Amino acid sequence: MRTVLNFSYKNRLFALSLGLLTTLVVTSDRTIAAPGATAPPQLQNMLVQIDAAANQKNIKAVMQFYSPNFTHTDGLTYQNLEKALTQLWKQYPQLKYQTQLQSWQAEGDGIVAETVTNITGTQTQDSRNLALKATIRTRQRYENQKIVKQEVLSERSQLSTGTKPPTLDIKLPQSVKPGQQYNFDAVVVEPLKDDYLLGAAIEEPVQTTQYFNPTQVKLDLLSAGGLFKIGRVPAGGSDRWLSAVVVRGDGLTQVTQRLNVLGGNNPQPSGRRLNIR
């Protein structure tokens, strides 16, 4: 049995673009980062101001904290970050941001900090109410009160809809090497009873062009209580998005997590379904 669900993977946009709003840092092996509570008031105040501007959907106020020469390890720039956030807030006008500063350190002419951002929100799509939850951990460098560079360390986003969307327990390594095989499991926590499950697992490269292109998902009837897949990172690949979509009679859940590829190159321009184990 197979069906097609016109369901967009734009929660990856939440995870990346929104994470940019609330982190300041770049690490250094030569120094030891201090706890967030000891950070200079200027840094703490900046994080508060960015959260406030994002919660108000004030794109001009948000972008004033970014350098025109802003760079990102995923290829984001000042221009396409602004575009991504503007588009996202049209779809999710009620998004809320809350950032916690994990660590910081002075490095040369800048400050290096690491933060965790939690994002929540809702959207109505095709008469369905979609609930979003996302958590992003990032590093970024801050110079002259501007964010100049960022790296996403980890991210997880979830979209759910229905009266009882399934709860998914995701098993995925945090990082792998290029060419390495890995397992991706998404297990439904609740007892299935007489319910049927439909689902799909998708692997996609982390790249800016994927932010604006919804993915049509083909769902298969699942013979077990979840998805159990095996994937392999291309020899020349870099970070990947791994997404699980699971549907039961009374709800739908989509979870996307980042798989870090150590020492990878630029991502390949295509995504694919994973092999069933």
C-alpha atoms as a PDB file:
ATOM      1  CA  MET A   1       0.000   0.000   0.000  1.00  0.00           C
ATOM      2  CA  ARG A   2       1.328   3.439  -0.868  1.00  0.00           C
ATOM      3  CA  THR A   3      -0.127   6.912  -0.706  1.00  0.00           C
ATOM      4  CA  VAL A   4       1.184  10.398  -1.402  1.00  0.00           C
ATOM      5  CA  LEU A   5       1.166  13.169   1.175  1.00  0.00           C
ATOM      6  CA  ASN A   6       1.761  16.737   0.016  1.00  0.00           C
ATOM      7  CA  PHE A   7       3.585  17.655   3.192  1.00  0.00           C
ATOM      8  CA  SER A   8       6.430  20.162   3.238  1.00  0.00           C
ATOM      9  CA  TYR A   9       9.717  19.633   5.040  1.00  0.00           C
ATOM     10  CA  LYS A  10       9.893  23.310   5.893  1.00  0.00           C
ATOM     11  CA  ASN A  11      10.423  22.559   9.560  1.00  0.00           C
ATOM     12  CA  ARG A  12      14.091  22.274   8.579  1.00  0.00           C
ATOM     13  CA  LEU A  13      13.821  25.991   7.845  1.00  0.00           C
ATOM     14  CA  PHE A  14      12.745  26.529  11.437  1.00  0.00           C
ATOM     15  CA  ALA A  15      15.703  24.610  12.680  1.00  0.00           C
ATOM     16  CA  LEU A  16      18.328  26.436  10.671  1.00  0.00           C
ATOM     17  CA  SER A  17      17.141  29.939   9.987  1.00  0.00           C
ATOM     18  CA  LEU A  18      15.638  30.451  13.399  1.00  0.00           C
ATOM     19  CA  GLY A  19      18.638  29.085  15.171  1.00  0.00           C
ATOM     20  CA  LEU A  20      20.616  31.863  13.563  1.00  0.00           C
ATOM     21  CA  LEU A  21      18.618  34.373  15.488  1.00  0.00           C
ATOM     22  CA  THR A  22      19.746  33.405  18.900  1.00  0.00           C
ATOM     23  CA  THR A  23      23.325  32.266  19.094  1.00  0.00           C
ATOM     24  CA  LEU A  24      26.720  33.894  19.242  1.00  0.00           C
ATOM     25  CA  VAL A  25      29.933  31.869  18.968  1.00  0.00           C
ATOM     26  CA  VAL A  26      32.928  30.124  17.512  1.00  0.00           C
ATOM     27  CA  THR A  27      35.068  27.754  19.528  1.00  0.00           C
ATOM     28  CA  SER A  28      38.777  27.800  20.238  1.00  0.00           C
ATOM     29  CA  ASP A  29      40.959  24.893  21.352  1.00  0.00           C
ATOM     30  CA  ARG A  30      43.355  27.311  23.011  1.00  0.00           C
ATOM     31  CA  THR A  31      40.941  28.634  25.609  1.00  0.00           C
ATOM     32  CA  ILE A  32      38.288  27.256  27.923  1.00  0.00           C
ATOM     33  CA  ALA A  33      34.756  28.599  27.547  1.00  0.00           C
ATOM     34  CA  ALA A  34      33.152  30.082  30.648  1.00  0.00           C
ATOM     35  CA  PRO A  35      29.591  29.314  31.846  1.00  0.00           C
ATOM     36  CA  GLY A  36      26.847  31.417  30.306  1.00  0.00           C
ATOM     37  CA  ALA A  37      25.935  32.984  33.646  1.00  0.00           C
ATOM     38  CA  THR A  38      29.337  34.732  33.743  1.00  0.00           C
ATOM     39  CA  ALA A  39      28.970  36.339  30.301  1.00  0.00           C
ATOM     40  CA  PRO A  40      29.311  40.125  29.918  1.00  0.00           C
ATOM     41  CA  PRO A  41      25.992  41.991  30.255  1.00  0.00           C
ATOM     42  CA  GLN A  42      26.403  43.233  26.681  1.00  0.00           C
ATOM     43  CA  LEU A  43      26.267  39.685  25.344  1.00  0.00           C
ATOM     44  CA  GLN A  44      23.371  38.677  27.557  1.00  0.00           C
ATOM     45  CA  ASN A  45      21.415  41.784  26.594  1.00  0.00           C
ATOM     46  CA  MET A  46      22.002  41.164  22.919  1.00  0.00           C
ATOM     47  CA  LEU A  47      20.503  37.687  23.147  1.00  0.00           C
ATOM     48  CA  VAL A  48      17.453  39.089  24.933  1.00  0.00           C
ATOM     49  CA  GLN A  49      17.048  41.748  22.239  1.00  0.00           C
ATOM     50  CA  ILE A  50      17.306  39.223  19.410  1.00  0.00           C
ATOM     51  CA  ASP A  51      14.684  36.988  21.017  1.00  0.00           C
ATOM     52  CA  ALA A  52      12.399  39.993  21.523  1.00  0.00           C
ATOM     53  CA  ALA A  53      12.776  41.152  17.913  1.00  0.00           C
ATOM     54  CA  ALA A  54      12.117  37.632  16.602  1.00  0.00           C
ATOM     55  CA  ASN A  55       9.042  37.224  18.809  1.00  0.00           C
ATOM     56  CA  GLN A  56       7.714  40.502  17.377  1.00  0.00           C
ATOM     57  CA  LYS A  57       8.552  39.350  13.813  1.00  0.00           C
ATOM     58  CA  ASN A  58      10.522  42.561  13.311  1.00  0.00           C
ATOM     59  CA  ILE A  59      12.867  41.573  10.500  1.00  0.00           C
ATOM     60  CA  LYS A  60      14.705  44.923  10.421  1.00  0.00           C
ATOM     61  CA  ALA A  61      15.414  44.726  14.149  1.00  0.00           C
ATOM     62  CA  VAL A  62      16.659  41.160  13.817  1.00  0.00           C
ATOM     63  CA  MET A  63      18.921  41.809  10.848  1.00  0.00           C
ATOM     64  CA  GLN A  64      20.643  44.749  12.521  1.00  0.00           C
ATOM     65  CA  PHE A  65      22.438  42.191  14.688  1.00  0.00           C
ATOM     66  CA  TYR A  66      24.017  40.533  11.623  1.00  0.00           C
ATOM     67  CA  SER A  67      27.048  41.692   9.708  1.00  0.00           C
ATOM     68  CA  PRO A  68      26.479  42.335   5.967  1.00  0.00           C
ATOM     69  CA  ASN A  69      29.390  39.897   5.505  1.00  0.00           C
ATOM     70  CA  PHE A  70      27.772  37.219   7.665  1.00  0.00           C
ATOM     71  CA  THR A  71      28.849  33.667   6.767  1.00  0.00           C
ATOM     72  CA  HIS A  72      27.449  30.285   7.718  1.00  0.00           C
ATOM     73  CA  THR A  73      28.817  26.775   7.324  1.00  0.00           C
ATOM     74  CA  ASP A  74      25.614  25.761   5.472  1.00  0.00           C
ATOM     75  CA  GLY A  75      26.007  28.540   2.907  1.00  0.00           C
ATOM     76  CA  LEU A  76      23.553  31.060   4.342  1.00  0.00           C
ATOM     77  CA  THR A  77      24.275  34.750   3.756  1.00  0.00           C
ATOM     78  CA  TYR A  78      22.816  37.973   5.102  1.00  0.00           C
ATOM     79  CA  GLN A  79      20.508  38.197   2.078  1.00  0.00           C
ATOM     80  CA  ASN A  80      19.049  34.686   2.027  1.00  0.00           C
ATOM     81  CA  LEU A  81      18.738  34.612   5.819  1.00  0.00           C
ATOM     82  CA  GLU A  82      16.524  37.690   5.649  1.00  0.00           C
ATOM     83  CA  LYS A  83      14.481  36.098   2.872  1.00  0.00           C
ATOM     84  CA  ALA A  84      14.112  32.829   4.785  1.00  0.00           C
ATOM     85  CA  LEU A  85      12.906  34.488   7.972  1.00  0.00           C
ATOM     86  CA  THR A  86      10.436  36.721   6.142  1.00  0.00           C
ATOM     87  CA  GLN A  87       8.917  33.729   4.392  1.00  0.00           C
ATOM     88  CA  LEU A  88       8.840  31.644   7.564  1.00  0.00           C
ATOM     89  CA  TRP A  89       7.041  34.282   9.622  1.00  0.00           C
ATOM     90  CA  LYS A  90       4.332  34.575   6.991  1.00  0.00           C
ATOM     91  CA  GLN A  91       3.630  30.886   7.486  1.00  0.00           C
ATOM     92  CA  TYR A  92       4.084  30.854  11.267  1.00  0.00           C
ATOM     93  CA  PRO A  93       3.191  34.328  12.589  1.00  0.00           C
ATOM     94  CA  GLN A  94       2.948  33.070  16.203  1.00  0.00           C
ATOM     95  CA  LEU A  95       6.440  31.587  16.601  1.00  0.00           C
ATOM     96  CA  LYS A  96       8.056  32.098  19.998  1.00  0.00           C
ATOM     97  CA  TYR A  97      11.797  32.032  20.709  1.00  0.00           C
ATOM     98  CA  GLN A  98      13.647  31.370  23.952  1.00  0.00           C
ATOM     99  CA  THR A  99      17.441  31.263  24.051  1.00  0.00           C
ATOM    100  CA  GLN A 100      19.791  30.036  26.762  1.00  0.00           C
ATOM    101  CA  LEU A 101      23.472  30.980  26.729  1.00  0.00           C
ATOM    102  CA  GLN A 102      25.509  27.838  27.411  1.00  0.00           C
ATOM    103  CA  SER A 103      29.088  29.166  27.321  1.00  0.00           C
ATOM    104  CA  TRP A 104      31.190  32.057  26.056  1.00  0.00           C
ATOM    105  CA  GLN A 105      34.791  33.184  25.665  1.00  0.00           C
ATOM    106  CA  ALA A 106      36.764  36.144  24.377  1.00  0.00           C
ATOM    107  CA  GLU A 107      38.756  35.391  21.242  1.00  0.00           C
ATOM    108  CA  GLY A 108      40.831  38.102  19.598  1.00  0.00           C
ATOM    109  CA  ASP A 109      38.588  41.007  18.660  1.00  0.00           C
ATOM    110  CA  GLY A 110      35.400  39.009  19.152  1.00  0.00           C
ATOM    111  CA  ILE A 111      33.273  36.992  21.535  1.00  0.00           C
ATOM    112  CA  VAL A 112      32.602  33.322  21.042  1.00  0.00           C
ATOM    113  CA  ALA A 113      29.473  31.827  22.572  1.00  0.00           C
ATOM    114  CA  GLU A 114      27.337  28.692  22.388  1.00  0.00           C
ATOM    115  CA  THR A 115      23.569  28.752  22.846  1.00  0.00           C
ATOM    116  CA  VAL A 116      20.462  26.578  22.745  1.00  0.00           C
ATOM    117  CA  THR A 117      17.294  28.019  21.224  1.00  0.00           C
ATOM    118  CA  ASN A 118      13.805  26.568  21.718  1.00  0.00           C
ATOM    119  CA  ILE A 119      11.126  27.530  19.202  1.00  0.00           C
ATOM    120  CA  THR A 120       7.391  26.822  19.375  1.00  0.00           C
ATOM    121  CA  GLY A 121       4.491  27.833  17.191  1.00  0.00           C
ATOM    122  CA  THR A 122       1.360  26.814  15.277  1.00  0.00           C
ATOM    123  CA  GLN A 123       0.063  27.087  11.738  1.00  0.00           C
ATOM    124  CA  THR A 124      -3.175  26.228   9.948  1.00  0.00           C
ATOM    125  CA  GLN A 125      -2.627  24.322   6.694  1.00  0.00           C
ATOM    126  CA  ASP A 126      -5.414  22.711   4.643  1.00  0.00           C
ATOM    127  CA  SER A 127      -7.797  22.983   7.642  1.00  0.00           C
ATOM    128  CA  ARG A 128      -5.231  21.248   9.873  1.00  0.00           C
ATOM    129  CA  ASN A 129      -3.560  22.801  12.892  1.00  0.00           C
ATOM    130  CA  LEU A 130       0.171  22.120  12.820  1.00  0.00           C
ATOM    131  CA  ALA A 131       2.208  22.445  16.020  1.00  0.00           C
ATOM    132  CA  LEU A 132       5.939  23.122  15.801  1.00  0.00           C
ATOM    133  CA  LYS A 133       8.658  22.416  18.351  1.00  0.00           C
ATOM    134  CA  ALA A 134      12.325  22.941  17.497  1.00  0.00           C
ATOM    135  CA  THR A 135      15.600  22.974  19.409  1.00  0.00           C
ATOM    136  CA  ILE A 136      18.845  24.273  17.893  1.00  0.00           C
ATOM    137  CA  ARG A 137      22.328  24.325  19.380  1.00  0.00           C
ATOM    138  CA  THR A 138      24.749  26.647  17.584  1.00  0.00           C
ATOM    139  CA  ARG A 139      28.114  28.375  17.686  1.00  0.00           C
ATOM    140  CA  GLN A 140      28.714  31.854  16.447  1.00  0.00           C
ATOM    141  CA  ARG A 141      31.264  34.649  16.416  1.00  0.00           C
ATOM    142  CA  TYR A 142      30.342  38.169  17.444  1.00  0.00           C
ATOM    143  CA  GLU A 143      32.366  41.266  16.547  1.00  0.00           C
ATOM    144  CA  ASN A 144      31.443  44.940  17.053  1.00  0.00           C
ATOM    145  CA  GLN A 145      27.943  43.976  18.198  1.00  0.00           C
ATOM    146  CA  LYS A 146      27.353  42.005  14.989  1.00  0.00           C
ATOM    147  CA  ILE A 147      27.069  38.272  14.340  1.00  0.00           C
ATOM    148  CA  VAL A 148      29.691  37.452  11.709  1.00  0.00           C
ATOM    149  CA  LYS A 149      29.821  33.648  11.578  1.00  0.00           C
ATOM    150  CA  GLN A 150      27.745  30.669  12.658  1.00  0.00           C
ATOM    151  CA  GLU A 151      27.792  26.882  12.795  1.00  0.00           C
ATOM    152  CA  VAL A 152      24.874  24.585  13.666  1.00  0.00           C
ATOM    153  CA  LEU A 153      25.989  21.921  16.153  1.00  0.00           C
ATOM    154  CA  SER A 154      22.703  20.055  16.459  1.00  0.00           C
ATOM    155  CA  GLU A 155      19.059  20.545  15.581  1.00  0.00           C
ATOM    156  CA  ARG A 156      15.762  18.771  16.009  1.00  0.00           C
ATOM    157  CA  SER A 157      12.365  19.962  14.832  1.00  0.00           C
ATOM    158  CA  GLN A 158       8.940  18.378  15.066  1.00  0.00           C
ATOM    159  CA  LEU A 159       5.642  19.068  13.347  1.00  0.00           C
ATOM    160  CA  SER A 160       2.491  17.353  14.572  1.00  0.00           C
ATOM    161  CA  THR A 161      -1.224  17.484  13.825  1.00  0.00           C
ATOM    162  CA  GLY A 162      -4.352  15.592  14.820  1.00  0.00           C
ATOM    163  CA  THR A 163      -6.003  14.676  18.099  1.00  0.00           C
ATOM    164  CA  LYS A 164      -3.361  12.118  19.085  1.00  0.00           C
ATOM    165  CA  PRO A 165      -0.237  12.451  16.928  1.00  0.00           C
ATOM    166  CA  PRO A 166       2.177   9.555  17.438  1.00  0.00           C
ATOM    167  CA  THR A 167       5.154  10.092  19.728  1.00  0.00           C
ATOM    168  CA  LEU A 168       8.397   9.146  17.961  1.00  0.00           C
ATOM    169  CA  ASP A 169      11.555   7.928  19.683  1.00  0.00           C
ATOM    170  CA  ILE A 170      14.360   8.802  17.253  1.00  0.00           C
ATOM    171  CA  LYS A 171      17.630   6.857  17.142  1.00  0.00           C
ATOM    172  CA  LEU A 172      20.312   8.580  15.042  1.00  0.00           C
ATOM    173  CA  PRO A 173      24.036   9.095  15.678  1.00  0.00           C
ATOM    174  CA  GLN A 174      25.093  12.688  16.213  1.00  0.00           C
ATOM    175  CA  SER A 175      27.923  12.465  13.692  1.00  0.00           C
ATOM    176  CA  VAL A 176      29.434  10.144  11.079  1.00  0.00           C
ATOM    177  CA  LYS A 177      32.308  10.244   8.597  1.00  0.00           C
ATOM    178  CA  PRO A 178      31.895  10.592   4.811  1.00  0.00           C
ATOM    179  CA  GLY A 179      31.051   7.198   3.294  1.00  0.00           C
ATOM    180  CA  GLN A 180      30.043   5.752   6.667  1.00  0.00           C
ATOM    181  CA  GLN A 181      26.862   3.692   7.112  1.00  0.00           C
ATOM    182  CA  TYR A 182      24.389   4.622   9.860  1.00  0.00           C
ATOM    183  CA  ASN A 183      21.023   3.530  11.286  1.00  0.00           C
ATOM    184  CA  PHE A 184      17.985   5.801  11.483  1.00  0.00           C
ATOM    185  CA  ASP A 185      15.081   4.480  13.570  1.00  0.00           C
ATOM    186  CA  ALA A 186      11.803   6.201  14.456  1.00  0.00           C
ATOM    187  CA  VAL A 187       9.814   4.072  16.897  1.00  0.00           C
ATOM    188  CA  VAL A 188       6.207   4.872  17.850  1.00  0.00           C
ATOM    189  CA  VAL A 189       6.057   4.939  21.651  1.00  0.00           C
ATOM    190  CA  GLU A 190       2.306   4.372  22.112  1.00  0.00           C
ATOM    191  CA  PRO A 191       0.782   0.878  21.724  1.00  0.00           C
ATOM    192  CA  LEU A 192      -0.577   0.424  18.213  1.00  0.00           C
ATOM    193  CA  LYS A 193      -3.601  -1.718  19.170  1.00  0.00           C
ATOM    194  CA  ASP A 194      -5.687  -2.001  15.979  1.00  0.00           C
ATOM    195  CA  ASP A 195      -4.211   1.074  14.293  1.00  0.00           C
ATOM    196  CA  TYR A 196      -2.343   1.015  11.018  1.00  0.00           C
ATOM    197  CA  LEU A 197       0.755   3.123  10.454  1.00  0.00           C
ATOM    198  CA  LEU A 198       1.890   4.893   7.305  1.00  0.00           C
ATOM    199  CA  GLY A 199       5.357   6.374   7.138  1.00  0.00           C
ATOM    200  CA  ALA A 200       8.446   7.414   5.229  1.00  0.00           C
ATOM    201  CA  ALA A 201      12.053   8.304   6.001  1.00  0.00           C
ATOM    202  CA  ILE A 202      13.855  10.923   3.930  1.00  0.00           C
ATOM    203  CA  GLU A 203      17.525  11.890   3.745  1.00  0.00           C
ATOM    204  CA  GLU A 204      18.348  15.314   2.283  1.00  0.00           C
ATOM    205  CA  PRO A 205      21.525  17.385   2.010  1.00  0.00           C
ATOM    206  CA  VAL A 206      21.786  20.483   4.163  1.00  0.00           C
ATOM    207  CA  GLN A 207      21.777  23.316   1.653  1.00  0.00           C
ATOM    208  CA  THR A 208      20.022  26.655   1.310  1.00  0.00           C
ATOM    209  CA  THR A 209      18.107  25.701  -1.845  1.00  0.00           C
ATOM    210  CA  GLN A 210      16.192  23.083   0.154  1.00  0.00           C
ATOM    211  CA  TYR A 211      14.683  25.704   2.467  1.00  0.00           C
ATOM    212  CA  PHE A 212      12.150  26.935  -0.076  1.00  0.00           C
ATOM    213  CA  ASN A 213      11.256  23.712  -1.902  1.00  0.00           C
ATOM    214  CA  PRO A 214       8.509  21.570  -0.304  1.00  0.00           C
ATOM    215  CA  THR A 215       9.064  17.827  -0.644  1.00  0.00           C
ATOM    216  CA  GLN A 216       6.269  15.494  -1.733  1.00  0.00           C
ATOM    217  CA  VAL A 217       6.326  12.469   0.538  1.00  0.00           C
ATOM    218  CA  LYS A 218       5.263   8.969  -0.497  1.00  0.00           C
ATOM    219  CA  LEU A 219       4.038   6.997   2.507  1.00  0.00           C
ATOM    220  CA  ASP A 220       4.209   3.216   2.836  1.00  0.00           C
ATOM    221  CA  LEU A 221       2.190   0.939   5.083  1.00  0.00           C
ATOM    222  CA  LEU A 222       4.495   0.017   7.972  1.00  0.00           C
ATOM    223  CA  SER A 223       4.616  -3.595   9.067  1.00  0.00           C
ATOM    224  CA  ALA A 224       6.154  -2.732  12.464  1.00  0.00           C
ATOM    225  CA  GLY A 225       5.769  -0.013  15.066  1.00  0.00           C
ATOM    226  CA  GLY A 226       7.891   2.554  13.290  1.00  0.00           C
ATOM    227  CA  LEU A 227      10.595   3.140  10.682  1.00  0.00           C
ATOM    228  CA  PHE A 228      13.879   1.210  10.687  1.00  0.00           C
ATOM    229  CA  LYS A 229      16.311   2.384   8.028  1.00  0.00           C
ATOM    230  CA  ILE A 230      19.927   2.171   6.959  1.00  0.00           C
ATOM    231  CA  GLY A 231      21.666   5.037   5.186  1.00  0.00           C
ATOM    232  CA  ARG A 232      25.126   5.854   3.948  1.00  0.00           C
ATOM    233  CA  VAL A 233      26.631   9.315   3.624  1.00  0.00           C
ATOM    234  CA  PRO A 234      28.110   9.968   0.143  1.00  0.00           C
ATOM    235  CA  ALA A 235      31.902   9.977   0.051  1.00  0.00           C
ATOM    236  CA  GLY A 236      31.899  13.687  -0.792  1.00  0.00           C
ATOM    237  CA  GLY A 237      28.835  14.605   1.255  1.00  0.00           C
ATOM    238  CA  SER A 238      28.394  16.921   4.221  1.00  0.00           C
ATOM    239  CA  ASP A 239      25.699  17.377   6.887  1.00  0.00           C
ATOM    240  CA  ARG A 240      22.336  15.730   6.174  1.00  0.00           C
ATOM    241  CA  TRP A 241      18.738  16.212   7.300  1.00  0.00           C
ATOM    242  CA  LEU A 242      17.036  12.956   8.335  1.00  0.00           C
ATOM    243  CA  SER A 243      13.246  13.136   8.495  1.00  0.00           C
ATOM    244  CA  ALA A 244      10.665  10.618   9.676  1.00  0.00           C
ATOM    245  CA  VAL A 245       6.974  11.080   8.836  1.00  0.00           C
ATOM    246  CA  VAL A 246       4.510   8.758  10.592  1.00  0.00           C
ATOM    247  CA  VAL A 247       0.706   8.829  10.247  1.00  0.00           C
ATOM    248  CA  ARG A 248      -1.906   6.937  12.217  1.00  0.00           C
ATOM    249  CA  GLY A 249      -5.687   7.298  12.259  1.00  0.00           C
ATOM    250  CA  ASP A 250      -5.787  10.157  14.739  1.00  0.00           C
ATOM    251  CA  GLY A 251      -2.638  12.126  13.984  1.00  0.00           C
ATOM    252  CA  LEU A 252       0.592  12.795  12.123  1.00  0.00           C
ATOM    253  CA  THR A 253       4.129  13.521  13.351  1.00  0.00           C
ATOM    254  CA  GLN A 254       7.183  14.598  11.379  1.00  0.00           C
ATOM    255  CA  VAL A 255      10.589  14.790  13.077  1.00  0.00           C
ATOM    256  CA  THR A 256      13.726  16.122  11.387  1.00  0.00           C
ATOM    257  CA  GLN A 257      17.206  15.850  12.890  1.00  0.00           C
ATOM    258  CA  ARG A 258      20.607  16.882  11.622  1.00  0.00           C
ATOM    259  CA  LEU A 259      23.327  14.313  11.042  1.00  0.00           C
ATOM    260  CA  ASN A 260      26.750  15.968  11.249  1.00  0.00           C
ATOM    261  CA  VAL A 261      29.290  14.686   8.742  1.00  0.00           C
ATOM    262  CA  LEU A 262      32.827  15.090  10.033  1.00  0.00           C
ATOM    263  CA  GLY A 263      35.147  16.657   7.484  1.00  0.00           C
ATOM    264  CA  GLY A 264      32.545  16.557   4.722  1.00  0.00           C
ATOM    265  CA  ASN A 265      32.455  18.653   1.563  1.00  0.00           C
ATOM    266  CA  ASN A 266      29.612  20.633   0.026  1.00  0.00           C
ATOM    267  CA  PRO A 267      26.321  18.677   0.101  1.00  0.00           C
ATOM    268  CA  GLN A 268      25.019  16.870  -2.950  1.00  0.00           C
ATOM    269  CA  PRO A 269      22.018  18.463  -4.731  1.00  0.00           C
ATOM    270  CA  SER A 270      19.507  15.666  -4.189  1.00  0.00           C
ATOM    271  CA  GLY A 271      17.691  13.850  -1.419  1.00  0.00           C
ATOM    272  CA  ARG A 272      16.524  10.261  -1.331  1.00  0.00           C
ATOM    273  CA  ARG A 273      14.467   7.754   0.565  1.00  0.00           C
ATOM    274  CA  LEU A 274      16.458   5.426   2.783  1.00  0.00           C
ATOM    275  CA  ASN A 275      16.769   1.678   2.313  1.00  0.00           C
ATOM    276  CA  ILE A 276      14.533  -0.452   4.502  1.00  0.00           C
ATOM    277  CA  ARG A 277      16.516  -2.652   6.836  1.00  0.00           C
END
